[in-house]
Amino acid sequence: MFSLGGTIASTEKPGGGGGGGVAPRLGAKELLEGVPGLDGSVGLEAVAFRRCPSGDLAFEDLIALAAEIKARFEAGAAGVVVVQGTDTIEETSFVLDLLIDAPNPVVVTGAMRNPTLASPDGPANLLAAVQVAASPEARGLGCLVVLNDEVHAARFVSKTHTTSPAAFRSMTAGPVGWLVEGRLRIALRPAPLPAVPVPAGPVAPVALLTMCLGDDGRLIERVGALGYAGVVVEAFGGGHVPARTVAALERLAATVPVVLASRTGAGDMLQATYGFPGSERDLIARGLIPAGFLDGPKARVLLSLLLGNGAGPEQVRTAFAKV
């Protein structure tokens, strides 16, 4: 079990009196000590890997974590649990999903309520994550996210609420399973995604832009001048942008890969339905690459890792066509 910090590990400073807020202070062993129901039937190694808010994590942290996980699997570990802050779980879990090509379960969890509150959800989520990681039923499912007794595939899950313990949802496909009385039930088995090699050098910088009412394209022009290696555009609906932004997007797509995702958070990108200027057909014809079912943050993860491996536009297009 690797702990990275986050709400689940956040407490007040000793003697702080509650006036300064909470911050990640608990390590991996302390987290396990606070979980009722861990009876010792599962052998657990606790590793304090990082101790920070999840917004401070970077690709380099996840690449290092993926290497550690692979090493544990090669040494005989049956599964791995990663405990972190919930703010970026939907992205970090997808990084691990792409980088770790092994049937062993990798389960990411966290908490929406910190340990100083009356009903923290961290211990229950951590227990559920261990139960899933130890279950043979979870093998071959890629990286999973477990909170609130629901099991989600990393490729689908998103954080959909700022405070609710039921914040995590897979809007496109629903959860792949759930736990009841400590038993894992898997209802769906998504086909494995192609693995992405670990980038040999720094991960390429990729921008994420969201279209909005009245957008005039100035940010698109500015991003093109900032040296990003690629751009993900979160478009309206099934892949639409204001007509006034089309020329800027076409110029940008002629210089770097530009991936077209939806700002809705669920559903596949359209490719052959609408034909007006700024529609998905128009944008694809101008060189933009549809993101499949991936939302903007996940499309940015995949594009970043692909470009970090030196992929060109056609290789990027091929990889997204498999999503």
Protein backbone atom coordinates (compact mmCIF):
# COMPACT_ATOMS: atom_id res chain seq x y z
CA MET A 1 0.00 0.00 0.00
CA PHE A 2 1.53 3.28 -1.19
CA SER A 3 0.40 6.46 0.52
CA LEU A 4 0.74 9.78 -1.28
CA GLY A 5 -1.05 12.14 1.13
CA GLY A 6 -4.34 13.90 0.50
CA THR A 7 -7.50 14.33 2.58
CA ILE A 8 -7.39 10.77 3.87
CA ALA A 9 -4.03 11.58 5.52
CA SER A 10 -4.86 15.13 6.62
CA THR A 11 -4.96 16.25 10.25
CA GLU A 12 -4.40 19.42 12.21
CA LYS A 13 -1.00 20.33 13.57
CA PRO A 14 -0.51 19.03 17.11
CA GLY A 15 -1.71 21.74 19.46
CA GLY A 16 -2.95 23.79 16.54
CA GLY A 17 -6.44 24.27 17.94
CA GLY A 18 -8.11 23.85 14.55
CA GLY A 19 -7.51 27.39 13.37
CA GLY A 20 -5.04 26.61 10.60
CA GLY A 21 -6.93 23.92 8.70
CA VAL A 22 -5.80 20.38 7.99
CA ALA A 23 -2.93 19.19 5.80
CA PRO A 24 -1.45 15.77 4.82
CA ARG A 25 0.51 14.56 7.85
CA LEU A 26 -0.25 10.85 8.28
CA GLY A 27 2.00 8.20 6.79
CA ALA A 28 1.12 4.78 5.36
CA LYS A 29 1.45 2.86 8.64
CA GLU A 30 -0.66 5.40 10.51
CA LEU A 31 -3.38 5.11 7.90
CA LEU A 32 -3.49 1.33 8.21
CA GLU A 33 -3.61 1.52 12.00
CA GLY A 34 -6.83 3.53 11.73
CA VAL A 35 -8.71 0.91 9.67
CA PRO A 36 -10.99 -1.47 11.59
CA GLY A 37 -11.49 -4.84 9.95
CA LEU A 38 -7.96 -5.39 8.65
CA ASP A 39 -7.57 -8.73 10.42
CA GLY A 40 -4.15 -9.69 9.12
CA SER A 41 -5.48 -12.19 6.58
CA VAL A 42 -3.94 -10.01 3.86
CA GLY A 43 -0.22 -9.34 4.15
CA LEU A 44 0.31 -5.61 3.70
CA GLU A 45 3.51 -3.66 3.18
CA ALA A 46 3.01 0.04 3.98
CA VAL A 47 5.08 2.49 1.93
CA ALA A 48 5.00 6.27 2.53
CA PHE A 49 5.74 7.27 -1.06
CA ARG A 50 4.71 10.95 -0.99
CA ARG A 51 2.95 13.24 1.51
CA CYS A 52 1.27 16.10 -0.32
CA PRO A 53 -2.05 17.38 -1.67
CA SER A 54 -2.86 15.49 -4.84
CA GLY A 55 -2.83 18.71 -6.85
CA ASP A 56 0.93 18.86 -6.25
CA LEU A 57 1.55 15.48 -7.89
CA ALA A 58 3.17 15.53 -11.33
CA PHE A 59 3.76 13.03 -14.12
CA GLU A 60 7.23 12.39 -12.74
CA ASP A 61 5.73 11.21 -9.43
CA LEU A 62 3.38 8.82 -11.21
CA ILE A 63 6.13 7.45 -13.45
CA ALA A 64 8.25 6.76 -10.36
CA LEU A 65 5.26 5.16 -8.64
CA ALA A 66 4.54 2.95 -11.66
CA ALA A 67 8.14 1.73 -11.55
CA GLU A 68 7.80 0.88 -7.84
CA ILE A 69 4.54 -0.97 -8.48
CA LYS A 70 6.08 -3.00 -11.29
CA ALA A 71 8.99 -3.90 -9.01
CA ARG A 72 6.58 -5.11 -6.30
CA PHE A 73 4.71 -7.25 -8.82
CA GLU A 74 7.97 -8.77 -10.03
CA ALA A 75 8.81 -9.55 -6.39
CA GLY A 76 5.54 -11.44 -5.97
CA ALA A 77 2.97 -8.91 -4.74
CA ALA A 78 -0.56 -9.94 -5.69
CA GLY A 79 -1.96 -6.41 -5.81
CA VAL A 80 -1.31 -2.78 -4.92
CA VAL A 81 -3.35 -0.07 -3.21
CA VAL A 82 -2.54 3.60 -3.81
CA VAL A 83 -3.91 6.10 -1.30
CA GLN A 84 -3.99 9.77 -2.29
CA GLY A 85 -6.03 12.95 -2.40
CA THR A 86 -9.21 12.80 -4.45
CA ASP A 87 -8.66 16.01 -6.46
CA THR A 88 -6.63 14.28 -9.18
CA ILE A 89 -7.56 10.60 -8.79
CA GLU A 90 -9.30 10.56 -12.16
CA GLU A 91 -6.01 11.56 -13.82
CA THR A 92 -3.42 9.73 -11.68
CA SER A 93 -5.34 6.44 -11.88
CA PHE A 94 -5.45 6.75 -15.68
CA VAL A 95 -1.69 7.38 -15.82
CA LEU A 96 -1.16 4.14 -13.87
CA ASP A 97 -3.69 2.35 -16.07
CA LEU A 98 -1.69 3.24 -19.17
CA LEU A 99 1.80 2.63 -17.78
CA ILE A 100 1.32 -0.63 -15.85
CA ASP A 101 0.89 -3.60 -18.17
CA ALA A 102 0.17 -6.36 -15.66
CA PRO A 103 -2.93 -8.36 -14.69
CA ASN A 104 -2.38 -7.68 -10.97
CA PRO A 105 -4.95 -5.27 -9.49
CA VAL A 106 -3.89 -1.67 -8.93
CA VAL A 107 -6.51 0.08 -6.79
CA VAL A 108 -6.55 3.81 -6.08
CA THR A 109 -8.57 5.25 -3.21
CA GLY A 110 -8.82 8.28 -0.94
CA ALA A 111 -11.35 10.12 1.18
CA MET A 112 -13.77 13.01 0.89
CA ARG A 113 -13.88 13.60 4.66
CA ASN A 114 -10.68 14.09 6.64
CA PRO A 115 -9.98 12.19 9.90
CA THR A 116 -10.85 15.18 12.13
CA LEU A 117 -14.53 15.09 11.08
CA ALA A 118 -17.28 13.11 12.78
CA SER A 119 -17.72 10.57 9.97
CA PRO A 120 -14.51 10.20 7.95
CA ASP A 121 -14.84 7.84 4.99
CA GLY A 122 -11.13 7.10 4.65
CA PRO A 123 -10.95 3.91 6.75
CA ALA A 124 -13.91 2.31 4.93
CA ASN A 125 -12.49 3.25 1.53
CA LEU A 126 -9.06 1.92 2.42
CA LEU A 127 -10.50 -1.37 3.69
CA ALA A 128 -12.57 -1.74 0.52
CA ALA A 129 -9.53 -0.97 -1.65
CA VAL A 130 -7.49 -3.67 0.10
CA GLN A 131 -10.32 -6.17 -0.33
CA VAL A 132 -10.50 -5.42 -4.05
CA ALA A 133 -6.73 -5.54 -4.54
CA ALA A 134 -6.59 -8.92 -2.78
CA SER A 135 -9.41 -10.42 -4.86
CA PRO A 136 -8.68 -12.68 -7.85
CA GLU A 137 -11.85 -11.23 -9.42
CA ALA A 138 -10.08 -7.88 -9.87
CA ARG A 139 -7.28 -9.30 -12.01
CA GLY A 140 -7.12 -8.16 -15.60
CA LEU A 141 -9.28 -5.06 -15.10
CA GLY A 142 -6.50 -2.48 -15.28
CA CYS A 143 -6.29 0.27 -12.70
CA LEU A 144 -9.41 0.61 -10.54
CA VAL A 145 -10.75 3.41 -8.35
CA VAL A 146 -12.62 2.33 -5.21
CA LEU A 147 -14.61 4.71 -3.03
CA ASN A 148 -18.01 4.47 -1.33
CA ASP A 149 -18.02 0.67 -1.91
CA GLU A 150 -18.11 1.20 -5.70
CA VAL A 151 -15.48 -0.06 -8.14
CA HIS A 152 -14.73 2.14 -11.16
CA ALA A 153 -12.44 1.67 -14.15
CA ALA A 154 -9.82 4.43 -14.23
CA ARG A 155 -10.61 5.19 -17.88
CA PHE A 156 -14.23 6.15 -17.05
CA VAL A 157 -14.24 7.64 -13.54
CA SER A 158 -14.51 11.33 -12.67
CA LYS A 159 -14.90 13.36 -9.51
CA THR A 160 -18.34 14.96 -9.81
CA HIS A 161 -18.88 16.73 -6.47
CA THR A 162 -16.77 18.93 -4.22
CA THR A 163 -17.72 17.32 -0.88
CA SER A 164 -20.04 14.32 -1.22
CA PRO A 165 -18.72 10.87 -0.20
CA ALA A 166 -20.41 9.67 -3.39
CA ALA A 167 -18.42 12.12 -5.53
CA PHE A 168 -16.96 9.56 -7.92
CA ARG A 169 -19.02 8.50 -10.90
CA SER A 170 -18.41 6.77 -14.23
CA MET A 171 -20.88 8.74 -16.28
CA THR A 172 -20.32 6.92 -19.58
CA ALA A 173 -20.37 3.30 -18.41
CA GLY A 174 -21.23 3.17 -14.71
CA PRO A 175 -19.19 1.31 -12.07
CA VAL A 176 -17.69 -2.01 -13.10
CA GLY A 177 -18.50 -3.51 -9.72
CA TRP A 178 -19.19 -3.01 -6.04
CA LEU A 179 -18.59 -4.48 -2.60
CA VAL A 180 -21.16 -5.96 -0.25
CA GLU A 181 -20.25 -7.40 3.15
CA GLY A 182 -16.63 -7.27 2.07
CA ARG A 183 -17.25 -9.36 -1.05
CA LEU A 184 -16.33 -8.06 -4.47
CA ARG A 185 -18.84 -8.37 -7.29
CA ILE A 186 -17.65 -7.49 -10.80
CA ALA A 187 -20.46 -6.77 -13.27
CA LEU A 188 -18.51 -5.41 -16.26
CA ARG A 189 -15.13 -6.29 -17.74
CA PRO A 190 -13.91 -3.58 -20.15
CA ALA A 191 -11.49 -4.65 -22.85
CA PRO A 192 -7.88 -3.82 -21.92
CA LEU A 193 -6.48 -0.55 -23.24
CA PRO A 194 -3.16 -0.67 -25.11
CA ALA A 195 -0.30 0.07 -22.71
CA VAL A 196 1.87 3.14 -23.22
CA PRO A 197 5.65 2.86 -22.70
CA VAL A 198 7.17 4.84 -19.87
CA PRO A 199 8.60 8.06 -21.37
CA ALA A 200 12.38 8.06 -21.31
CA GLY A 201 12.57 11.79 -20.64
CA PRO A 202 10.35 14.59 -19.34
CA VAL A 203 6.66 14.31 -20.19
CA ALA A 204 5.68 16.76 -22.91
CA PRO A 205 3.67 19.83 -21.81
CA VAL A 206 0.08 19.68 -23.08
CA ALA A 207 -2.50 22.45 -22.67
CA LEU A 208 -6.19 21.91 -21.88
CA LEU A 209 -8.65 24.50 -23.24
CA THR A 210 -12.41 24.58 -22.64
CA MET A 211 -14.76 26.20 -25.12
CA CYS A 212 -17.36 28.60 -23.70
CA LEU A 213 -20.21 30.79 -24.89
CA GLY A 214 -18.90 33.69 -26.96
CA ASP A 215 -15.34 32.35 -27.17
CA ASP A 216 -13.39 34.41 -29.69
CA GLY A 217 -10.28 32.22 -30.01
CA ARG A 218 -7.75 34.52 -28.35
CA LEU A 219 -6.65 31.80 -25.91
CA ILE A 220 -6.13 29.42 -28.82
CA GLU A 221 -3.81 31.91 -30.49
CA ARG A 222 -1.98 32.50 -27.22
CA VAL A 223 -1.50 28.79 -26.49
CA GLY A 224 0.02 28.34 -29.92
CA ALA A 225 2.72 30.85 -29.01
CA LEU A 226 3.60 29.33 -25.62
CA GLY A 227 5.48 26.27 -26.83
CA TYR A 228 3.09 23.50 -25.83
CA ALA A 229 3.76 20.16 -27.50
CA GLY A 230 0.06 19.45 -27.88
CA VAL A 231 -3.39 20.76 -26.98
CA VAL A 232 -6.66 19.18 -25.87
CA VAL A 233 -9.78 21.21 -26.64
CA GLU A 234 -12.91 20.51 -24.60
CA ALA A 235 -15.63 21.34 -27.10
CA PHE A 236 -19.38 21.76 -26.75
CA GLY A 237 -21.54 18.62 -26.87
CA GLY A 238 -20.33 15.99 -29.31
CA GLY A 239 -17.41 18.08 -30.57
CA HIS A 240 -18.45 21.59 -31.59
CA VAL A 241 -16.82 25.01 -31.28
CA PRO A 242 -17.83 28.56 -32.27
CA ALA A 243 -17.26 29.15 -36.00
CA ARG A 244 -15.08 32.17 -35.20
CA THR A 245 -12.49 29.88 -33.52
CA VAL A 246 -12.14 27.41 -36.39
CA ALA A 247 -9.35 29.20 -38.26
CA ALA A 248 -7.23 29.45 -35.11
CA LEU A 249 -7.73 25.77 -34.34
CA GLU A 250 -6.80 24.78 -37.89
CA ARG A 251 -3.58 26.81 -37.69
CA LEU A 252 -2.76 25.25 -34.32
CA ALA A 253 -3.44 21.71 -35.59
CA ALA A 254 -0.96 22.32 -38.41
CA THR A 255 1.84 22.79 -35.85
CA VAL A 256 1.04 20.43 -32.93
CA PRO A 257 -1.42 17.58 -32.30
CA VAL A 258 -4.82 18.98 -31.22
CA VAL A 259 -7.23 16.49 -29.65
CA LEU A 260 -10.97 17.18 -29.59
CA ALA A 261 -12.82 16.09 -26.42
CA SER A 262 -16.20 17.04 -24.96
CA ARG A 263 -16.74 19.32 -21.99
CA THR A 264 -19.87 17.32 -21.03
CA GLY A 265 -17.87 14.63 -19.21
CA ALA A 266 -19.65 11.63 -20.75
CA GLY A 267 -20.18 9.98 -24.10
CA ASP A 268 -18.17 9.37 -27.27
CA MET A 269 -17.05 12.14 -29.54
CA LEU A 270 -19.14 12.39 -32.70
CA GLN A 271 -17.28 12.00 -35.98
CA ALA A 272 -19.81 12.02 -38.81
CA THR A 273 -23.08 13.70 -37.80
CA TYR A 274 -22.97 17.51 -38.08
CA GLY A 275 -21.64 19.49 -41.02
CA PHE A 276 -21.66 23.18 -40.06
CA PRO A 277 -18.48 25.27 -39.60
CA GLY A 278 -17.09 24.32 -36.18
CA SER A 279 -18.85 20.93 -36.14
CA GLU A 280 -17.02 17.69 -35.46
CA ARG A 281 -16.87 16.77 -39.18
CA ASP A 282 -15.44 20.19 -40.00
CA LEU A 283 -12.84 20.09 -37.24
CA ILE A 284 -11.68 16.54 -38.02
CA ALA A 285 -11.29 17.52 -41.67
CA ARG A 286 -9.09 20.41 -40.51
CA GLY A 287 -6.74 18.05 -38.64
CA LEU A 288 -8.17 17.77 -35.11
CA ILE A 289 -8.11 14.30 -33.53
CA PRO A 290 -11.26 12.95 -31.80
CA ALA A 291 -10.73 11.73 -28.23
CA GLY A 292 -13.19 8.83 -28.32
CA PHE A 293 -14.86 8.47 -24.91
CA LEU A 294 -12.05 10.20 -23.01
CA ASP A 295 -12.88 13.49 -21.33
CA GLY A 296 -10.51 16.45 -21.46
CA PRO A 297 -8.28 15.61 -18.44
CA LYS A 298 -7.88 11.97 -19.49
CA ALA A 299 -7.26 12.89 -23.12
CA ARG A 300 -4.53 15.23 -21.88
CA VAL A 301 -2.95 12.36 -19.90
CA LEU A 302 -2.85 10.08 -22.94
CA LEU A 303 -1.58 12.80 -25.27
CA SER A 304 1.13 13.83 -22.79
CA LEU A 305 2.44 10.27 -22.47
CA LEU A 306 2.31 9.66 -26.22
CA LEU A 307 4.23 12.84 -26.99
CA GLY A 308 6.69 12.00 -24.20
CA ASN A 309 7.46 8.86 -26.18
CA GLY A 310 8.10 10.85 -29.34
CA ALA A 311 4.81 10.02 -31.09
CA GLY A 312 4.01 12.01 -34.22
CA PRO A 313 0.54 13.20 -35.31
CA GLU A 314 -0.37 9.95 -37.09
CA GLN A 315 0.74 7.82 -34.14
CA VAL A 316 -1.35 10.03 -31.87
CA ARG A 317 -4.33 9.66 -34.19
CA THR A 318 -3.93 5.87 -34.22
CA ALA A 319 -3.70 5.67 -30.42
CA PHE A 320 -6.87 7.73 -29.91
CA ALA A 321 -8.70 5.70 -32.55
CA LYS A 322 -8.29 2.69 -30.23
CA VAL A 323 -10.09 4.48 -27.37
